[in-house]
PDB file of all heavy atoms in Angstrom:
ATOM      1  N   ARG A   1       0.846  -1.225   0.006  1.00  0.00           N
ATOM      2  CA  ARG A   1       0.007  -0.002  -0.007  1.00  0.00           C
ATOM      3  C   ARG A   1       0.843   1.257  -0.003  1.00  0.00           C
ATOM      4  O   ARG A   1       0.474   2.269  -0.585  1.00  0.00           O
ATOM      5  CB  ARG A   1      -0.944  -0.005   1.188  1.00  0.00           C
ATOM      6  CG  ARG A   1      -2.090  -0.986   1.125  1.00  0.00           C
ATOM      7  CD  ARG A   1      -3.146  -0.670   2.154  1.00  0.00           C
ATOM      8  NE  ARG A   1      -2.620  -0.703   3.526  1.00  0.00           N
ATOM      9  CZ  ARG A   1      -2.573  -1.807   4.281  1.00  0.00           C
ATOM     10  NH1 ARG A   1      -3.056  -2.956   3.801  1.00  0.00           N
ATOM     11  NH2 ARG A   1      -2.086  -1.756   5.503  1.00  0.00           N
ATOM     12  N   ALA A   2       2.014   1.191   0.630  1.00  0.00           N
ATOM     13  CA  ALA A   2       2.928   2.342   0.695  1.00  0.00           C
ATOM     14  C   ALA A   2       3.723   2.516  -0.550  1.00  0.00           C
ATOM     15  O   ALA A   2       4.486   3.475  -0.693  1.00  0.00           O
ATOM     16  CB  ALA A   2       3.850   2.203   1.910  1.00  0.00           C
ATOM     17  N   GLY A   3       3.601   1.576  -1.514  1.00  0.00           N
ATOM     18  CA  GLY A   3       4.379   1.638  -2.757  1.00  0.00           C
ATOM     19  C   GLY A   3       5.829   1.223  -2.609  1.00  0.00           C
ATOM     20  O   GLY A   3       6.635   1.512  -3.478  1.00  0.00           O
ATOM     21  N   THR A   4       6.155   0.510  -1.514  1.00  0.00           N
ATOM     22  CA  THR A   4       7.521   0.016  -1.289  1.00  0.00           C
ATOM     23  C   THR A   4       7.664  -1.374  -1.883  1.00  0.00           C
ATOM     24  O   THR A   4       6.993  -2.324  -1.395  1.00  0.00           O
ATOM     25  CB  THR A   4       7.854  -0.013   0.218  1.00  0.00           C
ATOM     26  OG1 THR A   4       7.628   1.295   0.732  1.00  0.00           O
ATOM     27  CG2 THR A   4       9.287  -0.451   0.430  1.00  0.00           C
ATOM     28  N   GLU A   5       8.446  -1.513  -2.919  1.00  0.00           N
ATOM     29  CA  GLU A   5       8.561  -2.787  -3.612  1.00  0.00           C
ATOM     30  C   GLU A   5       9.848  -3.483  -3.167  1.00  0.00           C
ATOM     31  O   GLU A   5      10.957  -3.107  -3.630  1.00  0.00           O
ATOM     32  CB  GLU A   5       8.514  -2.624  -5.108  1.00  0.00           C
ATOM     33  CG  GLU A   5       7.169  -2.127  -5.606  1.00  0.00           C
ATOM     34  CD  GLU A   5       7.092  -2.124  -7.145  1.00  0.00           C
ATOM     35  OE1 GLU A   5       8.033  -2.636  -7.781  1.00  0.00           O
ATOM     36  OE2 GLU A   5       6.064  -1.639  -7.640  1.00  0.00           O
ATOM     37  N   ILE A   6       9.746  -4.427  -2.244  1.00  0.00           N
ATOM     38  CA  ILE A   6      10.907  -5.254  -1.794  1.00  0.00           C
ATOM     39  C   ILE A   6      10.524  -6.695  -1.959  1.00  0.00           C
ATOM     40  O   ILE A   6       9.506  -7.131  -1.421  1.00  0.00           O
ATOM     41  CB  ILE A   6      11.248  -4.966  -0.333  1.00  0.00           C
ATOM     42  CG1 ILE A   6      11.540  -3.467  -0.086  1.00  0.00           C
ATOM     43  CG2 ILE A   6      12.446  -5.772   0.107  1.00  0.00           C
ATOM     44  CD1 ILE A   6      11.782  -3.118   1.377  1.00  0.00           C
ATOM     45  N   PRO A   7      11.319  -7.451  -2.710  1.00  0.00           N
ATOM     46  CA  PRO A   7      11.002  -8.892  -2.894  1.00  0.00           C
ATOM     47  C   PRO A   7      10.985  -9.588  -1.518  1.00  0.00           C
ATOM     48  O   PRO A   7      11.847  -9.331  -0.678  1.00  0.00           O
ATOM     49  CB  PRO A   7      12.139  -9.425  -3.775  1.00  0.00           C
ATOM     50  CG  PRO A   7      12.663  -8.192  -4.498  1.00  0.00           C
ATOM     51  CD  PRO A   7      12.479  -7.064  -3.545  1.00  0.00           C
ATOM     52  N   ILE A   8      10.025 -10.471  -1.318  1.00  0.00           N
ATOM     53  CA  ILE A   8       9.844 -11.142  -0.024  1.00  0.00           C
ATOM     54  C   ILE A   8       9.928 -12.648  -0.187  1.00  0.00           C
ATOM     55  O   ILE A   8       9.283 -13.220  -1.084  1.00  0.00           O
ATOM     56  CB  ILE A   8       8.485 -10.759   0.614  1.00  0.00           C
ATOM     57  CG1 ILE A   8       8.447  -9.245   0.893  1.00  0.00           C
ATOM     58  CG2 ILE A   8       8.255 -11.517   1.897  1.00  0.00           C
ATOM     59  CD1 ILE A   8       7.115  -8.741   1.450  1.00  0.00           C
ATOM     60  N   VAL A   9      10.718 -13.275   0.688  1.00  0.00           N
ATOM     61  CA  VAL A   9      10.759 -14.736   0.839  1.00  0.00           C
ATOM     62  C   VAL A   9      10.080 -15.055   2.190  1.00  0.00           C
ATOM     63  O   VAL A   9      10.643 -14.662   3.216  1.00  0.00           O
ATOM     64  CB  VAL A   9      12.199 -15.270   0.750  1.00  0.00           C
ATOM     65  CG1 VAL A   9      12.178 -16.798   1.009  1.00  0.00           C
ATOM     66  CG2 VAL A   9      12.821 -14.935  -0.584  1.00  0.00           C
ATOM     67  N   PHE A  10       8.963 -15.762   2.165  1.00  0.00           N
ATOM     68  CA  PHE A  10       8.262 -16.116   3.405  1.00  0.00           C
ATOM     69  C   PHE A  10       8.812 -17.443   3.915  1.00  0.00           C
ATOM     70  O   PHE A  10       9.071 -18.385   3.128  1.00  0.00           O
ATOM     71  CB  PHE A  10       6.764 -16.257   3.143  1.00  0.00           C
ATOM     72  CG  PHE A  10       6.048 -14.935   3.191  1.00  0.00           C
ATOM     73  CD1 PHE A  10       5.570 -14.333   2.004  1.00  0.00           C
ATOM     74  CD2 PHE A  10       5.797 -14.286   4.392  1.00  0.00           C
ATOM     75  CE1 PHE A  10       4.908 -13.139   2.053  1.00  0.00           C
ATOM     76  CE2 PHE A  10       5.147 -13.076   4.434  1.00  0.00           C
ATOM     77  CZ  PHE A  10       4.701 -12.497   3.260  1.00  0.00           C
ATOM     78  N   ILE A  11       8.976 -17.533   5.230  1.00  0.00           N
ATOM     79  CA  ILE A  11       9.281 -18.818   5.896  1.00  0.00           C
ATOM     80  C   ILE A  11       8.276 -18.975   7.024  1.00  0.00           C
ATOM     81  O   ILE A  11       7.874 -18.019   7.684  1.00  0.00           O
ATOM     82  CB  ILE A  11      10.726 -18.825   6.485  1.00  0.00           C
ATOM     83  CG1 ILE A  11      10.938 -17.626   7.374  1.00  0.00           C
ATOM     84  CG2 ILE A  11      11.751 -18.841   5.356  1.00  0.00           C
ATOM     85  CD1 ILE A  11      12.304 -17.588   8.053  1.00  0.00           C
ATOM     86  N   THR A  12       7.810 -20.230   7.235  1.00  0.00           N
ATOM     87  CA  THR A  12       6.779 -20.449   8.284  1.00  0.00           C
ATOM     88  C   THR A  12       6.734 -21.919   8.672  1.00  0.00           C
ATOM     89  O   THR A  12       7.030 -22.797   7.872  1.00  0.00           O
ATOM     90  CB  THR A  12       5.394 -20.012   7.791  1.00  0.00           C
ATOM     91  OG1 THR A  12       4.452 -20.223   8.866  1.00  0.00           O
ATOM     92  CG2 THR A  12       4.985 -20.793   6.580  1.00  0.00           C
ATOM     93  N   GLY A  13       6.413 -22.137   9.907  1.00  0.00           N
ATOM     94  CA  GLY A  13       6.163 -23.505  10.391  1.00  0.00           C
ATOM     95  C   GLY A  13       4.719 -23.779  10.515  1.00  0.00           C
ATOM     96  O   GLY A  13       4.292 -24.858  10.928  1.00  0.00           O
ATOM     97  N   HIS A  14       3.806 -22.847  10.138  1.00  0.00           N
ATOM     98  CA  HIS A  14       2.387 -22.981  10.327  1.00  0.00           C
ATOM     99  C   HIS A  14       1.626 -22.597   9.024  1.00  0.00           C
ATOM    100  O   HIS A  14       0.515 -22.113   9.098  1.00  0.00           O
ATOM    101  CB  HIS A  14       1.859 -22.147  11.487  1.00  0.00           C
ATOM    102  CG  HIS A  14       2.601 -22.356  12.752  1.00  0.00           C
ATOM    103  ND1 HIS A  14       3.775 -21.703  13.079  1.00  0.00           N
ATOM    104  CD2 HIS A  14       2.311 -23.226  13.817  1.00  0.00           C
ATOM    105  CE1 HIS A  14       4.180 -22.123  14.287  1.00  0.00           C
ATOM    106  NE2 HIS A  14       3.351 -23.033  14.723  1.00  0.00           N
ATOM    107  N   GLY A  15       2.263 -22.822   7.928  1.00  0.00           N
ATOM    108  CA  GLY A  15       1.646 -22.390   6.673  1.00  0.00           C
ATOM    109  C   GLY A  15       0.662 -23.393   6.123  1.00  0.00           C
ATOM    110  O   GLY A  15       0.701 -24.580   6.512  1.00  0.00           O
ATOM    111  N   ASP A  16      -0.188 -22.947   5.238  1.00  0.00           N
ATOM    112  CA  ASP A  16      -1.076 -23.832   4.486  1.00  0.00           C
ATOM    113  C   ASP A  16      -1.136 -23.384   3.037  1.00  0.00           C
ATOM    114  O   ASP A  16      -0.605 -22.340   2.695  1.00  0.00           O
ATOM    115  CB  ASP A  16      -2.476 -23.911   5.115  1.00  0.00           C
ATOM    116  CG  ASP A  16      -3.088 -22.527   5.326  1.00  0.00           C
ATOM    117  OD1 ASP A  16      -2.762 -21.623   4.490  1.00  0.00           O
ATOM    118  OD2 ASP A  16      -3.850 -22.305   6.272  1.00  0.00           O
ATOM    119  N   ILE A  17      -1.812 -24.128   2.217  1.00  0.00           N
ATOM    120  CA  ILE A  17      -1.850 -23.834   0.788  1.00  0.00           C
ATOM    121  C   ILE A  17      -2.520 -22.492   0.480  1.00  0.00           C
ATOM    122  O   ILE A  17      -1.998 -21.662  -0.243  1.00  0.00           O
ATOM    123  CB  ILE A  17      -2.537 -25.008   0.016  1.00  0.00           C
ATOM    124  CG1 ILE A  17      -1.613 -26.232   0.055  1.00  0.00           C
ATOM    125  CG2 ILE A  17      -2.784 -24.549  -1.438  1.00  0.00           C
ATOM    126  CD1 ILE A  17      -2.203 -27.458  -0.592  1.00  0.00           C
ATOM    127  N   PRO A  18      -3.743 -22.207   1.061  1.00  0.00           N
ATOM    128  CA  PRO A  18      -4.364 -20.903   0.789  1.00  0.00           C
ATOM    129  C   PRO A  18      -3.446 -19.725   1.202  1.00  0.00           C
ATOM    130  O   PRO A  18      -3.397 -18.701   0.494  1.00  0.00           O
ATOM    131  CB  PRO A  18      -5.627 -20.942   1.606  1.00  0.00           C
ATOM    132  CG  PRO A  18      -5.930 -22.381   1.788  1.00  0.00           C
ATOM    133  CD  PRO A  18      -4.606 -23.047   1.883  1.00  0.00           C
ATOM    134  N   MET A  19      -2.761 -19.875   2.316  1.00  0.00           N
ATOM    135  CA  MET A  19      -1.863 -18.788   2.810  1.00  0.00           C
ATOM    136  C   MET A  19      -0.748 -18.568   1.803  1.00  0.00           C
ATOM    137  O   MET A  19      -0.432 -17.434   1.459  1.00  0.00           O
ATOM    138  CB  MET A  19      -1.311 -19.132   4.187  1.00  0.00           C
ATOM    139  CG  MET A  19      -0.465 -18.050   4.818  1.00  0.00           C
ATOM    140  SD  MET A  19       0.289 -18.589   6.373  1.00  0.00           S
ATOM    141  CE  MET A  19      -1.139 -18.830   7.382  1.00  0.00           C
ATOM    142  N   SER A  20      -0.144 -19.654   1.321  1.00  0.00           N
ATOM    143  CA  SER A  20       0.984 -19.514   0.398  1.00  0.00           C
ATOM    144  C   SER A  20       0.482 -18.937  -0.948  1.00  0.00           C
ATOM    145  O   SER A  20       1.178 -18.130  -1.549  1.00  0.00           O
ATOM    146  CB  SER A  20       1.641 -20.881   0.179  1.00  0.00           C
ATOM    147  OG  SER A  20       0.758 -21.811  -0.423  1.00  0.00           O
ATOM    148  N   VAL A  21      -0.697 -19.358  -1.385  1.00  0.00           N
ATOM    149  CA  VAL A  21      -1.260 -18.836  -2.632  1.00  0.00           C
ATOM    150  C   VAL A  21      -1.472 -17.309  -2.528  1.00  0.00           C
ATOM    151  O   VAL A  21      -1.127 -16.548  -3.430  1.00  0.00           O
ATOM    152  CB  VAL A  21      -2.569 -19.556  -3.010  1.00  0.00           C
ATOM    153  CG1 VAL A  21      -3.285 -18.817  -4.150  1.00  0.00           C
ATOM    154  CG2 VAL A  21      -2.303 -20.985  -3.367  1.00  0.00           C
ATOM    155  N   ASN A  22      -2.034 -16.874  -1.426  1.00  0.00           N
ATOM    156  CA  ASN A  22      -2.294 -15.418  -1.207  1.00  0.00           C
ATOM    157  C   ASN A  22      -0.991 -14.633  -1.178  1.00  0.00           C
ATOM    158  O   ASN A  22      -0.878 -13.552  -1.747  1.00  0.00           O
ATOM    159  CB  ASN A  22      -3.063 -15.185   0.095  1.00  0.00           C
ATOM    160  CG  ASN A  22      -4.511 -15.687  -0.016  1.00  0.00           C
ATOM    161  OD1 ASN A  22      -5.049 -15.791  -1.109  1.00  0.00           O
ATOM    162  ND2 ASN A  22      -5.090 -15.994   1.118  1.00  0.00           N
ATOM    163  N   ALA A  23       0.051 -15.205  -0.530  1.00  0.00           N
ATOM    164  CA  ALA A  23       1.330 -14.528  -0.433  1.00  0.00           C
ATOM    165  C   ALA A  23       1.970 -14.408  -1.810  1.00  0.00           C
ATOM    166  O   ALA A  23       2.502 -13.354  -2.211  1.00  0.00           O
ATOM    167  CB  ALA A  23       2.267 -15.277   0.507  1.00  0.00           C
ATOM    168  N   MET A  24       1.904 -15.470  -2.634  1.00  0.00           N
ATOM    169  CA  MET A  24       2.504 -15.438  -3.972  1.00  0.00           C
ATOM    170  C   MET A  24       1.738 -14.511  -4.885  1.00  0.00           C
ATOM    171  O   MET A  24       2.333 -13.774  -5.697  1.00  0.00           O
ATOM    172  CB  MET A  24       2.539 -16.865  -4.549  1.00  0.00           C
ATOM    173  CG  MET A  24       3.366 -17.862  -3.747  1.00  0.00           C
ATOM    174  SD  MET A  24       5.103 -17.434  -3.650  1.00  0.00           S
ATOM    175  CE  MET A  24       5.657 -17.948  -5.274  1.00  0.00           C
ATOM    176  N   LYS A  25       0.420 -14.479  -4.770  1.00  0.00           N
ATOM    177  CA  LYS A  25      -0.401 -13.555  -5.587  1.00  0.00           C
ATOM    178  C   LYS A  25      -0.029 -12.132  -5.278  1.00  0.00           C
ATOM    179  O   LYS A  25      -0.103 -11.241  -6.118  1.00  0.00           O
ATOM    180  CB  LYS A  25      -1.880 -13.779  -5.337  1.00  0.00           C
ATOM    181  CG  LYS A  25      -2.441 -14.970  -6.125  1.00  0.00           C
ATOM    182  CD  LYS A  25      -3.959 -15.057  -5.905  1.00  0.00           C
ATOM    183  CE  LYS A  25      -4.532 -16.188  -6.717  1.00  0.00           C
ATOM    184  NZ  LYS A  25      -6.027 -16.269  -6.535  1.00  0.00           N
ATOM    185  N   ALA A  26       0.282 -11.853  -4.013  1.00  0.00           N
ATOM    186  CA  ALA A  26       0.649 -10.468  -3.603  1.00  0.00           C
ATOM    187  C   ALA A  26       2.069 -10.120  -3.969  1.00  0.00           C
ATOM    188  O   ALA A  26       2.516  -9.004  -3.658  1.00  0.00           O
ATOM    189  CB  ALA A  26       0.454 -10.305  -2.111  1.00  0.00           C
ATOM    190  N   GLY A  27       2.811 -11.035  -4.588  1.00  0.00           N
ATOM    191  CA  GLY A  27       4.127 -10.702  -5.101  1.00  0.00           C
ATOM    192  C   GLY A  27       5.305 -11.354  -4.416  1.00  0.00           C
ATOM    193  O   GLY A  27       6.450 -11.013  -4.682  1.00  0.00           O
ATOM    194  N   ALA A  28       5.065 -12.301  -3.507  1.00  0.00           N
ATOM    195  CA  ALA A  28       6.170 -12.953  -2.822  1.00  0.00           C
ATOM    196  C   ALA A  28       6.969 -13.800  -3.833  1.00  0.00           C
ATOM    197  O   ALA A  28       6.408 -14.353  -4.794  1.00  0.00           O
ATOM    198  CB  ALA A  28       5.654 -13.878  -1.725  1.00  0.00           C
ATOM    199  N   VAL A  29       8.286 -13.881  -3.594  1.00  0.00           N
ATOM    200  CA  VAL A  29       9.150 -14.659  -4.490  1.00  0.00           C
ATOM    201  C   VAL A  29       9.075 -16.147  -4.162  1.00  0.00           C
ATOM    202  O   VAL A  29       9.054 -16.983  -5.055  1.00  0.00           O
ATOM    203  CB  VAL A  29      10.617 -14.151  -4.354  1.00  0.00           C
ATOM    204  CG1 VAL A  29      11.554 -15.026  -5.187  1.00  0.00           C
ATOM    205  CG2 VAL A  29      10.726 -12.698  -4.798  1.00  0.00           C
ATOM    206  N   GLU A  30       8.995 -16.493  -2.886  1.00  0.00           N
ATOM    207  CA  GLU A  30       8.973 -17.893  -2.462  1.00  0.00           C
ATOM    208  C   GLU A  30       8.254 -18.005  -1.123  1.00  0.00           C
ATOM    209  O   GLU A  30       8.200 -17.054  -0.345  1.00  0.00           O
ATOM    210  CB  GLU A  30      10.388 -18.441  -2.352  1.00  0.00           C
ATOM    211  CG  GLU A  30      10.532 -19.913  -2.100  1.00  0.00           C
ATOM    212  CD  GLU A  30       9.872 -20.762  -3.143  1.00  0.00           C
ATOM    213  OE1 GLU A  30       8.675 -21.015  -3.011  1.00  0.00           O
ATOM    214  OE2 GLU A  30      10.558 -21.180  -4.119  1.00  0.00           O
ATOM    215  N   PHE A  31       7.672 -19.186  -0.863  1.00  0.00           N
ATOM    216  CA  PHE A  31       6.990 -19.456   0.389  1.00  0.00           C
ATOM    217  C   PHE A  31       7.541 -20.809   0.878  1.00  0.00           C
ATOM    218  O   PHE A  31       7.177 -21.881   0.342  1.00  0.00           O
ATOM    219  CB  PHE A  31       5.490 -19.536   0.178  1.00  0.00           C
ATOM    220  CG  PHE A  31       4.668 -19.483   1.430  1.00  0.00           C
ATOM    221  CD1 PHE A  31       4.151 -18.291   1.874  1.00  0.00           C
ATOM    222  CD2 PHE A  31       4.439 -20.641   2.188  1.00  0.00           C
ATOM    223  CE1 PHE A  31       3.385 -18.228   3.035  1.00  0.00           C
ATOM    224  CE2 PHE A  31       3.674 -20.591   3.326  1.00  0.00           C
ATOM    225  CZ  PHE A  31       3.156 -19.377   3.781  1.00  0.00           C
ATOM    226  N   LEU A  32       8.433 -20.788   1.878  1.00  0.00           N
ATOM    227  CA  LEU A  32       9.162 -21.970   2.329  1.00  0.00           C
ATOM    228  C   LEU A  32       8.615 -22.437   3.700  1.00  0.00           C
ATOM    229  O   LEU A  32       8.675 -21.728   4.682  1.00  0.00           O
ATOM    230  CB  LEU A  32      10.637 -21.682   2.486  1.00  0.00           C
ATOM    231  CG  LEU A  32      11.372 -21.255   1.179  1.00  0.00           C
ATOM    232  CD1 LEU A  32      12.810 -20.894   1.537  1.00  0.00           C
ATOM    233  CD2 LEU A  32      11.298 -22.332   0.143  1.00  0.00           C
ATOM    234  N   PRO A  33       8.104 -23.692   3.767  1.00  0.00           N
ATOM    235  CA  PRO A  33       7.659 -24.237   5.068  1.00  0.00           C
ATOM    236  C   PRO A  33       8.882 -24.730   5.817  1.00  0.00           C
ATOM    237  O   PRO A  33       9.850 -25.265   5.256  1.00  0.00           O
ATOM    238  CB  PRO A  33       6.737 -25.394   4.667  1.00  0.00           C
ATOM    239  CG  PRO A  33       7.207 -25.785   3.304  1.00  0.00           C
ATOM    240  CD  PRO A  33       7.752 -24.576   2.622  1.00  0.00           C
ATOM    241  N   LYS A  34       8.868 -24.556   7.145  1.00  0.00           N
ATOM    242  CA  LYS A  34       9.946 -25.070   7.996  1.00  0.00           C
ATOM    243  C   LYS A  34       9.662 -26.576   8.248  1.00  0.00           C
ATOM    244  O   LYS A  34       8.500 -26.962   8.390  1.00  0.00           O
ATOM    245  CB  LYS A  34       9.947 -24.330   9.336  1.00  0.00           C
ATOM    246  CG  LYS A  34      10.254 -22.846   9.269  1.00  0.00           C
ATOM    247  CD  LYS A  34      10.203 -22.218  10.650  1.00  0.00           C
ATOM    248  CE  LYS A  34      10.376 -20.710  10.612  1.00  0.00           C
ATOM    249  NZ  LYS A  34      10.228 -20.095  11.935  1.00  0.00           N
TER     250      LYS A  34
END
């Protein structure tokens, strides 16, 4: 929203498929489960 474009790599131990899909749609580079 602030117009700050920084590539993001998500890491999580509590992720699920809908969460990863939403993150990738919003521009995340990768979504890595622990």
